[in-house]
Amino acid sequence: MRHLKKRRKFGRKKDQRKALLKALVNNLVLKEKIKTTEAKAKETSKIIEKFITKAKKNNLTAKRFLTRYLSQKVVKKLIEEIAPRYKERNGGYTRIIKLGLRKSDGAKMAIIELIK
């Protein structure tokens, strides 16, 4: 039973799901706007919000934590460019815009972007 389990599984095993979300977070940080399914966007939003909050501290512990999950280039952009943008903001760094259904399989599509 999945009582009190809030994460989505996406029909994948744990390592595949982790790799998928890691790739989505990396691309979102680099491009600042990506198009994906609504469910993937919601999960990505949860993760990126925590990473940006951690990056706002800009100390050695935060850098080590982020390098465990993200590439070096992404961590650098996150700490130097993105985190200072949100210094005065207490959360709500992403926006999800719903697009409608995908033609091929009817999946709900969305755009997730970092708020300027």
PDB file of N, CA and C in Angstrom:
ATOM      1  N   MET A   1       0.830  -1.188   0.000  1.00  0.00           N
ATOM      2  CA  MET A   1       0.000   0.000   0.000  1.00  0.00           C
ATOM      3  C   MET A   1       0.870   1.245   0.000  1.00  0.00           C
ATOM      4  N   ARG A   2       0.357   2.298  -0.589  1.00  0.00           N
ATOM      5  CA  ARG A   2       1.136   3.523  -0.735  1.00  0.00           C
ATOM      6  C   ARG A   2       0.628   4.628   0.180  1.00  0.00           C
ATOM      7  N   HIS A   3       0.142   4.293   1.349  1.00  0.00           N
ATOM      8  CA  HIS A   3      -0.352   5.322   2.260  1.00  0.00           C
ATOM      9  C   HIS A   3       0.747   6.322   2.582  1.00  0.00           C
ATOM     10  N   LEU A   4       0.422   7.590   2.490  1.00  0.00           N
ATOM     11  CA  LEU A   4       1.326   8.699   2.817  1.00  0.00           C
ATOM     12  C   LEU A   4       2.571   8.761   1.932  1.00  0.00           C
ATOM     13  N   LYS A   5       2.545   8.123   0.783  1.00  0.00           N
ATOM     14  CA  LYS A   5       3.647   8.209  -0.174  1.00  0.00           C
ATOM     15  C   LYS A   5       3.240   9.224  -1.226  1.00  0.00           C
ATOM     16  N   LYS A   6       3.907  10.354  -1.284  1.00  0.00           N
ATOM     17  CA  LYS A   6       3.427  11.459  -2.103  1.00  0.00           C
ATOM     18  C   LYS A   6       4.108  11.579  -3.472  1.00  0.00           C
ATOM     19  N   ARG A   7       5.193  10.898  -3.707  1.00  0.00           N
ATOM     20  CA  ARG A   7       5.916  11.036  -4.975  1.00  0.00           C
ATOM     21  C   ARG A   7       5.279  10.204  -6.077  1.00  0.00           C
ATOM     22  N   ARG A   8       5.427  10.674  -7.303  1.00  0.00           N
ATOM     23  CA  ARG A   8       4.926   9.936  -8.462  1.00  0.00           C
ATOM     24  C   ARG A   8       5.992   8.951  -8.931  1.00  0.00           C
ATOM     25  N   LYS A   9       5.561   7.848  -9.513  1.00  0.00           N
ATOM     26  CA  LYS A   9       6.513   6.815  -9.926  1.00  0.00           C
ATOM     27  C   LYS A   9       6.813   6.833 -11.423  1.00  0.00           C
ATOM     28  N   PHE A  10       5.939   7.388 -12.228  1.00  0.00           N
ATOM     29  CA  PHE A  10       6.108   7.489 -13.677  1.00  0.00           C
ATOM     30  C   PHE A  10       6.313   6.141 -14.355  1.00  0.00           C
ATOM     31  N   GLY A  11       5.911   5.047 -13.745  1.00  0.00           N
ATOM     32  CA  GLY A  11       6.057   3.730 -14.349  1.00  0.00           C
ATOM     33  C   GLY A  11       7.498   3.309 -14.524  1.00  0.00           C
ATOM     34  N   ARG A  12       8.381   3.825 -13.674  1.00  0.00           N
ATOM     35  CA  ARG A  12       9.812   3.521 -13.787  1.00  0.00           C
ATOM     36  C   ARG A  12      10.342   2.995 -12.471  1.00  0.00           C
ATOM     37  N   LYS A  13      11.481   2.335 -12.553  1.00  0.00           N
ATOM     38  CA  LYS A  13      12.159   1.897 -11.337  1.00  0.00           C
ATOM     39  C   LYS A  13      12.866   3.082 -10.710  1.00  0.00           C
ATOM     40  N   LYS A  14      13.328   2.917  -9.485  1.00  0.00           N
ATOM     41  CA  LYS A  14      13.877   4.029  -8.717  1.00  0.00           C
ATOM     42  C   LYS A  14      15.049   4.721  -9.413  1.00  0.00           C
ATOM     43  N   ASP A  15      15.996   3.955  -9.934  1.00  0.00           N
ATOM     44  CA  ASP A  15      17.176   4.571 -10.553  1.00  0.00           C
ATOM     45  C   ASP A  15      16.811   5.315 -11.838  1.00  0.00           C
ATOM     46  N   GLN A  16      15.868   4.763 -12.616  1.00  0.00           N
ATOM     47  CA  GLN A  16      15.427   5.424 -13.838  1.00  0.00           C
ATOM     48  C   GLN A  16      14.660   6.707 -13.524  1.00  0.00           C
ATOM     49  N   ARG A  17      13.819   6.639 -12.495  1.00  0.00           N
ATOM     50  CA  ARG A  17      13.042   7.810 -12.081  1.00  0.00           C
ATOM     51  C   ARG A  17      13.970   8.914 -11.577  1.00  0.00           C
ATOM     52  N   LYS A  18      14.977   8.543 -10.818  1.00  0.00           N
ATOM     53  CA  LYS A  18      15.950   9.503 -10.300  1.00  0.00           C
ATOM     54  C   LYS A  18      16.726  10.163 -11.438  1.00  0.00           C
ATOM     55  N   ALA A  19      17.121   9.388 -12.438  1.00  0.00           N
ATOM     56  CA  ALA A  19      17.846   9.923 -13.590  1.00  0.00           C
ATOM     57  C   ALA A  19      16.966  10.868 -14.403  1.00  0.00           C
ATOM     58  N   LEU A  20      15.700  10.511 -14.573  1.00  0.00           N
ATOM     59  CA  LEU A  20      14.761  11.361 -15.307  1.00  0.00           C
ATOM     60  C   LEU A  20      14.603  12.719 -14.628  1.00  0.00           C
ATOM     61  N   LEU A  21      14.374  12.718 -13.329  1.00  0.00           N
ATOM     62  CA  LEU A  21      14.178  13.963 -12.598  1.00  0.00           C
ATOM     63  C   LEU A  21      15.454  14.792 -12.549  1.00  0.00           C
ATOM     64  N   LYS A  22      16.598  14.111 -12.451  1.00  0.00           N
ATOM     65  CA  LYS A  22      17.887  14.814 -12.459  1.00  0.00           C
ATOM     66  C   LYS A  22      18.092  15.526 -13.795  1.00  0.00           C
ATOM     67  N   ALA A  23      17.758  14.862 -14.886  1.00  0.00           N
ATOM     68  CA  ALA A  23      17.896  15.460 -16.213  1.00  0.00           C
ATOM     69  C   ALA A  23      16.946  16.645 -16.381  1.00  0.00           C
ATOM     70  N   LEU A  24      15.712  16.514 -15.883  1.00  0.00           N
ATOM     71  CA  LEU A  24      14.757  17.608 -15.973  1.00  0.00           C
ATOM     72  C   LEU A  24      15.227  18.828 -15.174  1.00  0.00           C
ATOM     73  N   VAL A  25      15.757  18.598 -13.978  1.00  0.00           N
ATOM     74  CA  VAL A  25      16.252  19.698 -13.140  1.00  0.00           C
ATOM     75  C   VAL A  25      17.455  20.364 -13.798  1.00  0.00           C
ATOM     76  N   ASN A  26      18.390  19.560 -14.316  1.00  0.00           N
ATOM     77  CA  ASN A  26      19.563  20.123 -15.000  1.00  0.00           C
ATOM     78  C   ASN A  26      19.142  20.999 -16.181  1.00  0.00           C
ATOM     79  N   ASN A  27      18.219  20.509 -16.999  1.00  0.00           N
ATOM     80  CA  ASN A  27      17.768  21.270 -18.161  1.00  0.00           C
ATOM     81  C   ASN A  27      17.004  22.526 -17.758  1.00  0.00           C
ATOM     82  N   LEU A  28      16.220  22.429 -16.690  1.00  0.00           N
ATOM     83  CA  LEU A  28      15.474  23.597 -16.235  1.00  0.00           C
ATOM     84  C   LEU A  28      16.417  24.700 -15.754  1.00  0.00           C
ATOM     85  N   VAL A  29      17.479  24.329 -15.067  1.00  0.00           N
ATOM     86  CA  VAL A  29      18.441  25.326 -14.596  1.00  0.00           C
ATOM     87  C   VAL A  29      19.182  25.947 -15.774  1.00  0.00           C
ATOM     88  N   LEU A  30      19.598  25.137 -16.729  1.00  0.00           N
ATOM     89  CA  LEU A  30      20.361  25.652 -17.862  1.00  0.00           C
ATOM     90  C   LEU A  30      19.510  26.485 -18.821  1.00  0.00           C
ATOM     91  N   LYS A  31      18.313  26.014 -19.139  1.00  0.00           N
ATOM     92  CA  LYS A  31      17.468  26.683 -20.132  1.00  0.00           C
ATOM     93  C   LYS A  31      16.439  27.624 -19.510  1.00  0.00           C
ATOM     94  N   GLU A  32      16.147  27.438 -18.241  1.00  0.00           N
ATOM     95  CA  GLU A  32      15.195  28.230 -17.456  1.00  0.00           C
ATOM     96  C   GLU A  32      13.744  28.075 -17.896  1.00  0.00           C
ATOM     97  N   LYS A  33      13.479  27.205 -18.863  1.00  0.00           N
ATOM     98  CA  LYS A  33      12.118  26.960 -19.329  1.00  0.00           C
ATOM     99  C   LYS A  33      12.115  25.664 -20.131  1.00  0.00           C
ATOM    100  N   ILE A  34      11.264  24.696 -19.741  1.00  0.00           N
ATOM    101  CA  ILE A  34      11.180  23.446 -20.482  1.00  0.00           C
ATOM    102  C   ILE A  34       9.717  23.028 -20.653  1.00  0.00           C
ATOM    103  N   LYS A  35       9.464  22.253 -21.690  1.00  0.00           N
ATOM    104  CA  LYS A  35       8.131  21.729 -21.962  1.00  0.00           C
ATOM    105  C   LYS A  35       8.147  20.239 -21.646  1.00  0.00           C
ATOM    106  N   THR A  36       7.226  19.791 -20.811  1.00  0.00           N
ATOM    107  CA  THR A  36       7.166  18.393 -20.399  1.00  0.00           C
ATOM    108  C   THR A  36       5.726  18.068 -20.011  1.00  0.00           C
ATOM    109  N   THR A  37       5.499  16.873 -19.488  1.00  0.00           N
ATOM    110  CA  THR A  37       4.151  16.537 -19.046  1.00  0.00           C
ATOM    111  C   THR A  37       3.861  17.239 -17.724  1.00  0.00           C
ATOM    112  N   GLU A  38       2.600  17.363 -17.430  1.00  0.00           N
ATOM    113  CA  GLU A  38       2.183  18.080 -16.219  1.00  0.00           C
ATOM    114  C   GLU A  38       2.697  17.399 -14.952  1.00  0.00           C
ATOM    115  N   ALA A  39       2.631  16.081 -14.892  1.00  0.00           N
ATOM    116  CA  ALA A  39       3.080  15.345 -13.707  1.00  0.00           C
ATOM    117  C   ALA A  39       4.588  15.507 -13.494  1.00  0.00           C
ATOM    118  N   LYS A  40       5.357  15.419 -14.582  1.00  0.00           N
ATOM    119  CA  LYS A  40       6.806  15.591 -14.481  1.00  0.00           C
ATOM    120  C   LYS A  40       7.150  17.016 -14.068  1.00  0.00           C
ATOM    121  N   ALA A  41       6.392  17.986 -14.549  1.00  0.00           N
ATOM    122  CA  ALA A  41       6.623  19.379 -14.184  1.00  0.00           C
ATOM    123  C   ALA A  41       6.378  19.596 -12.696  1.00  0.00           C
ATOM    124  N   LYS A  42       5.342  18.998 -12.162  1.00  0.00           N
ATOM    125  CA  LYS A  42       5.032  19.161 -10.738  1.00  0.00           C
ATOM    126  C   LYS A  42       6.115  18.536  -9.858  1.00  0.00           C
ATOM    127  N   GLU A  43       6.603  17.369 -10.242  1.00  0.00           N
ATOM    128  CA  GLU A  43       7.677  16.734  -9.472  1.00  0.00           C
ATOM    129  C   GLU A  43       8.972  17.526  -9.576  1.00  0.00           C
ATOM    130  N   THR A  44       9.278  18.023 -10.775  1.00  0.00           N
ATOM    131  CA  THR A  44      10.488  18.823 -10.976  1.00  0.00           C
ATOM    132  C   THR A  44      10.431  20.102 -10.151  1.00  0.00           C
ATOM    133  N   SER A  45       9.241  20.677 -10.067  1.00  0.00           N
ATOM    134  CA  SER A  45       9.065  21.909  -9.306  1.00  0.00           C
ATOM    135  C   SER A  45       9.405  21.698  -7.831  1.00  0.00           C
ATOM    136  N   LYS A  46       8.964  20.589  -7.267  1.00  0.00           N
ATOM    137  CA  LYS A  46       9.261  20.295  -5.864  1.00  0.00           C
ATOM    138  C   LYS A  46      10.767  20.226  -5.619  1.00  0.00           C
ATOM    139  N   ILE A  47      11.473  19.581  -6.533  1.00  0.00           N
ATOM    140  CA  ILE A  47      12.909  19.382  -6.365  1.00  0.00           C
ATOM    141  C   ILE A  47      13.667  20.691  -6.555  1.00  0.00           C
ATOM    142  N   ILE A  48      13.361  21.436  -7.609  1.00  0.00           N
ATOM    143  CA  ILE A  48      14.109  22.657  -7.918  1.00  0.00           C
ATOM    144  C   ILE A  48      13.883  23.724  -6.856  1.00  0.00           C
ATOM    145  N   GLU A  49      12.704  23.760  -6.252  1.00  0.00           N
ATOM    146  CA  GLU A  49      12.433  24.728  -5.181  1.00  0.00           C
ATOM    147  C   GLU A  49      13.394  24.485  -4.013  1.00  0.00           C
ATOM    148  N   LYS A  50      13.590  23.230  -3.650  1.00  0.00           N
ATOM    149  CA  LYS A  50      14.499  22.901  -2.542  1.00  0.00           C
ATOM    150  C   LYS A  50      15.944  23.237  -2.900  1.00  0.00           C
ATOM    151  N   PHE A  51      16.323  22.968  -4.157  1.00  0.00           N
ATOM    152  CA  PHE A  51      17.696  23.253  -4.574  1.00  0.00           C
ATOM    153  C   PHE A  51      17.976  24.759  -4.601  1.00  0.00           C
ATOM    154  N   ILE A  52      17.036  25.558  -5.049  1.00  0.00           N
ATOM    155  CA  ILE A  52      17.243  27.009  -5.081  1.00  0.00           C
ATOM    156  C   ILE A  52      17.324  27.565  -3.668  1.00  0.00           C
ATOM    157  N   THR A  53      16.477  27.077  -2.781  1.00  0.00           N
ATOM    158  CA  THR A  53      16.532  27.519  -1.387  1.00  0.00           C
ATOM    159  C   THR A  53      17.883  27.180  -0.775  1.00  0.00           C
ATOM    160  N   LYS A  54      18.398  26.009  -1.073  1.00  0.00           N
ATOM    161  CA  LYS A  54      19.711  25.603  -0.567  1.00  0.00           C
ATOM    162  C   LYS A  54      20.809  26.469  -1.180  1.00  0.00           C
ATOM    163  N   ALA A  55      20.703  26.780  -2.471  1.00  0.00           N
ATOM    164  CA  ALA A  55      21.723  27.575  -3.170  1.00  0.00           C
ATOM    165  C   ALA A  55      21.756  29.011  -2.670  1.00  0.00           C
ATOM    166  N   LYS A  56      20.652  29.518  -2.142  1.00  0.00           N
ATOM    167  CA  LYS A  56      20.610  30.885  -1.634  1.00  0.00           C
ATOM    168  C   LYS A  56      21.557  31.076  -0.446  1.00  0.00           C
ATOM    169  N   LYS A  57      21.849  30.012   0.272  1.00  0.00           N
ATOM    170  CA  LYS A  57      22.767  30.109   1.414  1.00  0.00           C
ATOM    171  C   LYS A  57      24.200  30.375   0.956  1.00  0.00           C
ATOM    172  N   ASN A  58      24.565  29.831  -0.207  1.00  0.00           N
ATOM    173  CA  ASN A  58      25.870  30.055  -0.833  1.00  0.00           C
ATOM    174  C   ASN A  58      27.042  29.801   0.119  1.00  0.00           C
ATOM    175  N   ASN A  59      27.027  28.646   0.776  1.00  0.00           N
ATOM    176  CA  ASN A  59      28.163  28.252   1.610  1.00  0.00           C
ATOM    177  C   ASN A  59      28.687  26.898   1.138  1.00  0.00           C
ATOM    178  N   LEU A  60      29.744  26.449   1.739  1.00  0.00           N
ATOM    179  CA  LEU A  60      30.392  25.207   1.308  1.00  0.00           C
ATOM    180  C   LEU A  60      29.462  24.004   1.439  1.00  0.00           C
ATOM    181  N   THR A  61      28.698  23.955   2.506  1.00  0.00           N
ATOM    182  CA  THR A  61      27.771  22.840   2.706  1.00  0.00           C
ATOM    183  C   THR A  61      26.740  22.780   1.585  1.00  0.00           C
ATOM    184  N   ALA A  62      26.206  23.928   1.207  1.00  0.00           N
ATOM    185  CA  ALA A  62      25.209  23.971   0.134  1.00  0.00           C
ATOM    186  C   ALA A  62      25.822  23.519  -1.183  1.00  0.00           C
ATOM    187  N   LYS A  63      27.047  23.966  -1.476  1.00  0.00           N
ATOM    188  CA  LYS A  63      27.710  23.577  -2.725  1.00  0.00           C
ATOM    189  C   LYS A  63      27.949  22.075  -2.768  1.00  0.00           C
ATOM    190  N   ARG A  64      28.384  21.506  -1.648  1.00  0.00           N
ATOM    191  CA  ARG A  64      28.618  20.054  -1.604  1.00  0.00           C
ATOM    192  C   ARG A  64      27.325  19.276  -1.768  1.00  0.00           C
ATOM    193  N   PHE A  65      26.260  19.764  -1.142  1.00  0.00           N
ATOM    194  CA  PHE A  65      24.955  19.113  -1.263  1.00  0.00           C
ATOM    195  C   PHE A  65      24.488  19.122  -2.711  1.00  0.00           C
ATOM    196  N   LEU A  66      24.605  20.282  -3.364  1.00  0.00           N
ATOM    197  CA  LEU A  66      24.128  20.405  -4.743  1.00  0.00           C
ATOM    198  C   LEU A  66      24.974  19.597  -5.721  1.00  0.00           C
ATOM    199  N   THR A  67      26.291  19.516  -5.504  1.00  0.00           N
ATOM    200  CA  THR A  67      27.141  18.749  -6.427  1.00  0.00           C
ATOM    201  C   THR A  67      26.889  17.253  -6.320  1.00  0.00           C
ATOM    202  N   ARG A  68      26.260  16.806  -5.242  1.00  0.00           N
ATOM    203  CA  ARG A  68      25.895  15.393  -5.153  1.00  0.00           C
ATOM    204  C   ARG A  68      24.809  15.046  -6.164  1.00  0.00           C
ATOM    205  N   TYR A  69      23.961  16.012  -6.496  1.00  0.00           N
ATOM    206  CA  TYR A  69      22.813  15.745  -7.357  1.00  0.00           C
ATOM    207  C   TYR A  69      22.920  16.354  -8.756  1.00  0.00           C
ATOM    208  N   LEU A  70      23.657  17.456  -8.884  1.00  0.00           N
ATOM    209  CA  LEU A  70      23.693  18.179 -10.152  1.00  0.00           C
ATOM    210  C   LEU A  70      25.110  18.262 -10.685  1.00  0.00           C
ATOM    211  N   SER A  71      25.248  18.569 -11.967  1.00  0.00           N
ATOM    212  CA  SER A  71      26.573  18.711 -12.563  1.00  0.00           C
ATOM    213  C   SER A  71      27.218  20.019 -12.096  1.00  0.00           C
ATOM    214  N   GLN A  72      28.529  20.107 -12.261  1.00  0.00           N
ATOM    215  CA  GLN A  72      29.288  21.257 -11.786  1.00  0.00           C
ATOM    216  C   GLN A  72      28.845  22.549 -12.480  1.00  0.00           C
ATOM    217  N   LYS A  73      28.590  22.465 -13.781  1.00  0.00           N
ATOM    218  CA  LYS A  73      28.160  23.634 -14.553  1.00  0.00           C
ATOM    219  C   LYS A  73      26.803  24.147 -14.062  1.00  0.00           C
ATOM    220  N   VAL A  74      25.913  23.223 -13.748  1.00  0.00           N
ATOM    221  CA  VAL A  74      24.580  23.578 -13.277  1.00  0.00           C
ATOM    222  C   VAL A  74      24.652  24.203 -11.885  1.00  0.00           C
ATOM    223  N   VAL A  75      25.477  23.632 -11.022  1.00  0.00           N
ATOM    224  CA  VAL A  75      25.633  24.174  -9.665  1.00  0.00           C
ATOM    225  C   VAL A  75      26.177  25.596  -9.724  1.00  0.00           C
ATOM    226  N   LYS A  76      27.140  25.818 -10.598  1.00  0.00           N
ATOM    227  CA  LYS A  76      27.728  27.155 -10.735  1.00  0.00           C
ATOM    228  C   LYS A  76      26.668  28.170 -11.177  1.00  0.00           C
ATOM    229  N   LYS A  77      25.861  27.815 -12.169  1.00  0.00           N
ATOM    230  CA  LYS A  77      24.818  28.735 -12.640  1.00  0.00           C
ATOM    231  C   LYS A  77      23.767  28.950 -11.558  1.00  0.00           C
ATOM    232  N   LEU A  78      23.432  27.893 -10.841  1.00  0.00           N
ATOM    233  CA  LEU A  78      22.416  27.974  -9.802  1.00  0.00           C
ATOM    234  C   LEU A  78      22.848  28.917  -8.681  1.00  0.00           C
ATOM    235  N   ILE A  79      24.095  28.815  -8.253  1.00  0.00           N
ATOM    236  CA  ILE A  79      24.575  29.634  -7.140  1.00  0.00           C
ATOM    237  C   ILE A  79      24.898  31.062  -7.570  1.00  0.00           C
ATOM    238  N   GLU A  80      25.492  31.236  -8.743  1.00  0.00           N
ATOM    239  CA  GLU A  80      25.953  32.566  -9.145  1.00  0.00           C
ATOM    240  C   GLU A  80      24.887  33.417  -9.832  1.00  0.00           C
ATOM    241  N   GLU A  81      23.974  32.798 -10.591  1.00  0.00           N
ATOM    242  CA  GLU A  81      23.006  33.575 -11.353  1.00  0.00           C
ATOM    243  C   GLU A  81      21.581  33.473 -10.818  1.00  0.00           C
ATOM    244  N   ILE A  82      21.131  32.259 -10.558  1.00  0.00           N
ATOM    245  CA  ILE A  82      19.725  32.053 -10.234  1.00  0.00           C
ATOM    246  C   ILE A  82      19.401  32.369  -8.773  1.00  0.00           C
ATOM    247  N   ALA A  83      20.182  31.874  -7.845  1.00  0.00           N
ATOM    248  CA  ALA A  83      19.893  32.089  -6.417  1.00  0.00           C
ATOM    249  C   ALA A  83      19.884  33.566  -6.018  1.00  0.00           C
ATOM    250  N   PRO A  84      20.827  34.396  -6.486  1.00  0.00           N
ATOM    251  CA  PRO A  84      20.772  35.815  -6.103  1.00  0.00           C
ATOM    252  C   PRO A  84      19.511  36.535  -6.605  1.00  0.00           C
ATOM    253  N   ARG A  85      18.941  36.033  -7.686  1.00  0.00           N
ATOM    254  CA  ARG A  85      17.716  36.610  -8.235  1.00  0.00           C
ATOM    255  C   ARG A  85      16.551  36.493  -7.243  1.00  0.00           C
ATOM    256  N   TYR A  86      16.598  35.472  -6.386  1.00  0.00           N
ATOM    257  CA  TYR A  86      15.496  35.185  -5.466  1.00  0.00           C
ATOM    258  C   TYR A  86      15.855  35.455  -4.002  1.00  0.00           C
ATOM    259  N   LYS A  87      16.823  36.317  -3.737  1.00  0.00           N
ATOM    260  CA  LYS A  87      17.250  36.598  -2.365  1.00  0.00           C
ATOM    261  C   LYS A  87      16.095  37.047  -1.475  1.00  0.00           C
ATOM    262  N   GLU A  88      15.233  37.911  -1.996  1.00  0.00           N
ATOM    263  CA  GLU A  88      14.141  38.477  -1.196  1.00  0.00           C
ATOM    264  C   GLU A  88      12.865  37.628  -1.242  1.00  0.00           C
ATOM    265  N   ARG A  89      12.883  36.551  -2.014  1.00  0.00           N
ATOM    266  CA  ARG A  89      11.680  35.742  -2.206  1.00  0.00           C
ATOM    267  C   ARG A  89      11.726  34.493  -1.333  1.00  0.00           C
ATOM    268  N   ASN A  90      10.613  34.174  -0.677  1.00  0.00           N
ATOM    269  CA  ASN A  90      10.539  32.992   0.186  1.00  0.00           C
ATOM    270  C   ASN A  90       9.770  31.865  -0.496  1.00  0.00           C
ATOM    271  N   GLY A  91      10.352  31.290  -1.514  1.00  0.00           N
ATOM    272  CA  GLY A  91       9.713  30.181  -2.210  1.00  0.00           C
ATOM    273  C   GLY A  91       8.911  30.649  -3.410  1.00  0.00           C
ATOM    274  N   GLY A  92       8.361  29.696  -4.144  1.00  0.00           N
ATOM    275  CA  GLY A  92       7.580  30.015  -5.335  1.00  0.00           C
ATOM    276  C   GLY A  92       8.457  30.498  -6.472  1.00  0.00           C
ATOM    277  N   TYR A  93       9.519  29.742  -6.765  1.00  0.00           N
ATOM    278  CA  TYR A  93      10.484  30.160  -7.788  1.00  0.00           C
ATOM    279  C   TYR A  93      10.102  29.683  -9.182  1.00  0.00           C
ATOM    280  N   THR A  94       9.138  28.769  -9.276  1.00  0.00           N
ATOM    281  CA  THR A  94       8.777  28.204 -10.576  1.00  0.00           C
ATOM    282  C   THR A  94       7.314  28.489 -10.903  1.00  0.00           C
ATOM    283  N   ARG A  95       7.015  28.430 -12.190  1.00  0.00           N
ATOM    284  CA  ARG A  95       5.654  28.611 -12.677  1.00  0.00           C
ATOM    285  C   ARG A  95       5.348  27.456 -13.618  1.00  0.00           C
ATOM    286  N   ILE A  96       4.180  26.857 -13.469  1.00  0.00           N
ATOM    287  CA  ILE A  96       3.745  25.785 -14.364  1.00  0.00           C
ATOM    288  C   ILE A  96       2.550  26.297 -15.168  1.00  0.00           C
ATOM    289  N   ILE A  97       2.704  26.297 -16.479  1.00  0.00           N
ATOM    290  CA  ILE A  97       1.646  26.748 -17.383  1.00  0.00           C
ATOM    291  C   ILE A  97       1.114  25.518 -18.122  1.00  0.00           C
ATOM    292  N   LYS A  98      -0.160  25.230 -17.925  1.00  0.00           N
ATOM    293  CA  LYS A  98      -0.763  24.054 -18.552  1.00  0.00           C
ATOM    294  C   LYS A  98      -1.081  24.358 -20.014  1.00  0.00           C
ATOM    295  N   LEU A  99      -0.762  23.391 -20.891  1.00  0.00           N
ATOM    296  CA  LEU A  99      -0.909  23.603 -22.334  1.00  0.00           C
ATOM    297  C   LEU A  99      -2.082  22.862 -22.959  1.00  0.00           C
ATOM    298  N   GLY A 100      -2.461  21.754 -22.408  1.00  0.00           N
ATOM    299  CA  GLY A 100      -3.505  20.937 -23.031  1.00  0.00           C
ATOM    300  C   GLY A 100      -2.972  19.541 -23.287  1.00  0.00           C
ATOM    301  N   LEU A 101      -3.644  18.821 -24.160  1.00  0.00           N
ATOM    302  CA  LEU A 101      -3.288  17.431 -24.402  1.00  0.00           C
ATOM    303  C   LEU A 101      -2.320  17.289 -25.570  1.00  0.00           C
ATOM    304  N   ARG A 102      -1.407  16.315 -25.425  1.00  0.00           N
ATOM    305  CA  ARG A 102      -0.484  15.988 -26.510  1.00  0.00           C
ATOM    306  C   ARG A 102      -1.259  15.166 -27.541  1.00  0.00           C
ATOM    307  N   LYS A 103      -1.016  15.417 -28.817  1.00  0.00           N
ATOM    308  CA  LYS A 103      -1.792  14.773 -29.876  1.00  0.00           C
ATOM    309  C   LYS A 103      -1.594  13.253 -29.911  1.00  0.00           C
ATOM    310  N   SER A 104      -0.367  12.804 -29.746  1.00  0.00           N
ATOM    311  CA  SER A 104      -0.069  11.390 -29.965  1.00  0.00           C
ATOM    312  C   SER A 104      -0.700  10.472 -28.922  1.00  0.00           C
ATOM    313  N   ASP A 105      -0.564  10.810 -27.637  1.00  0.00           N
ATOM    314  CA  ASP A 105      -1.053   9.897 -26.605  1.00  0.00           C
ATOM    315  C   ASP A 105      -2.023  10.552 -25.621  1.00  0.00           C
ATOM    316  N   GLY A 106      -2.310  11.827 -25.803  1.00  0.00           N
ATOM    317  CA  GLY A 106      -3.284  12.485 -24.939  1.00  0.00           C
ATOM    318  C   GLY A 106      -2.762  12.869 -23.570  1.00  0.00           C
ATOM    319  N   ALA A 107      -1.442  12.906 -23.403  1.00  0.00           N
ATOM    320  CA  ALA A 107      -0.870  13.278 -22.110  1.00  0.00           C
ATOM    321  C   ALA A 107      -1.045  14.778 -21.875  1.00  0.00           C
ATOM    322  N   LYS A 108      -1.281  15.154 -20.633  1.00  0.00           N
ATOM    323  CA  LYS A 108      -1.411  16.569 -20.288  1.00  0.00           C
ATOM    324  C   LYS A 108      -0.029  17.204 -20.320  1.00  0.00           C
ATOM    325  N   MET A 109       0.123  18.255 -21.123  1.00  0.00           N
ATOM    326  CA  MET A 109       1.415  18.912 -21.284  1.00  0.00           C
ATOM    327  C   MET A 109       1.444  20.224 -20.508  1.00  0.00           C
ATOM    328  N   ALA A 110       2.671  20.645 -20.162  1.00  0.00           N
ATOM    329  CA  ALA A 110       2.851  21.883 -19.410  1.00  0.00           C
ATOM    330  C   ALA A 110       4.229  22.447 -19.693  1.00  0.00           C
ATOM    331  N   ILE A 111       4.366  23.740 -19.447  1.00  0.00           N
ATOM    332  CA  ILE A 111       5.664  24.409 -19.494  1.00  0.00           C
ATOM    333  C   ILE A 111       6.011  24.769 -18.062  1.00  0.00           C
ATOM    334  N   ILE A 112       7.209  24.417 -17.637  1.00  0.00           N
ATOM    335  CA  ILE A 112       7.693  24.826 -16.323  1.00  0.00           C
ATOM    336  C   ILE A 112       8.839  25.804 -16.559  1.00  0.00           C
ATOM    337  N   GLU A 113       8.788  26.934 -15.850  1.00  0.00           N
ATOM    338  CA  GLU A 113       9.802  27.952 -16.036  1.00  0.00           C
ATOM    339  C   GLU A 113      10.156  28.600 -14.703  1.00  0.00           C
ATOM    340  N   LEU A 114      11.338  29.155 -14.645  1.00  0.00           N
ATOM    341  CA  LEU A 114      11.756  29.904 -13.476  1.00  0.00           C
ATOM    342  C   LEU A 114      11.192  31.317 -13.588  1.00  0.00           C
ATOM    343  N   ILE A 115      10.653  31.808 -12.508  1.00  0.00           N
ATOM    344  CA  ILE A 115      10.073  33.148 -12.499  1.00  0.00           C
ATOM    345  C   ILE A 115      11.200  34.170 -12.545  1.00  0.00           C
ATOM    346  N   LYS A 116      11.047  35.209 -13.335  1.00  0.00           N
ATOM    347  CA  LYS A 116      12.086  36.241 -13.475  1.00  0.00           C
ATOM    348  C   LYS A 116      12.134  37.146 -12.278  1.00  0.00           C
TER     349      LYS A 116
END
